[in-house]
Amino acid sequence: MVRLVEEKDQKERICREILGALPDWFGIPESVEEYAKNCRELPVWAAEAEDGPVGFIAYRPTSAQAGEIYVMGVLPDCRRKGLGRALFRELYAYARESGCRFLTVKTVQSGRYETYGRTNLFYRSLGFVELECLPTLWDEANPCQNYIMEVCG
């Protein structure tokens, strides 16, 4: 089940817990804290199982015409079950209803690490296309691949 999370403390907690369980993608504690704090003010959806949240996604508007997948994560044991797609569908519908024309997402460029190769394939499977690579946005070892997609009304 995917639901919109309304309560700010809960958004922050879900983000921190899920990202904390994903050190191969989110291994810098300061970054996890920044994501968690910022999620308090953003639309956040959580995928839940009987034991609690197993994934989440957050949307951040970046301009009058665009927004981004600010951060998302699904616990390793819950992957390949459609949860990432279900989370994305909720974010996409929200973006469309909000008048967003373009969605973007940033990740580490494909070919650098196996884990990010799978991440890049996931975003491409959703319909994102490469917009640009920003080789020094994060650092030289982690070139930022920026993807974009048109939001159809």
Foldseek 3Di string as FASTA:
>chain_A
DKDKDDALVVQLVLQLVQLVLVCVFNVDVVVSNVVSNVSSPWTKMFDADPVGGQKMWTKAADDLAEIERPDIGGHPVPPPVCPVVVRVVVVLVVCVVSNHFKYKYKFFDAPLDPVVVVVVVVVVVVPWDWDDWQCPPPHVSGIITMTMDTRDD
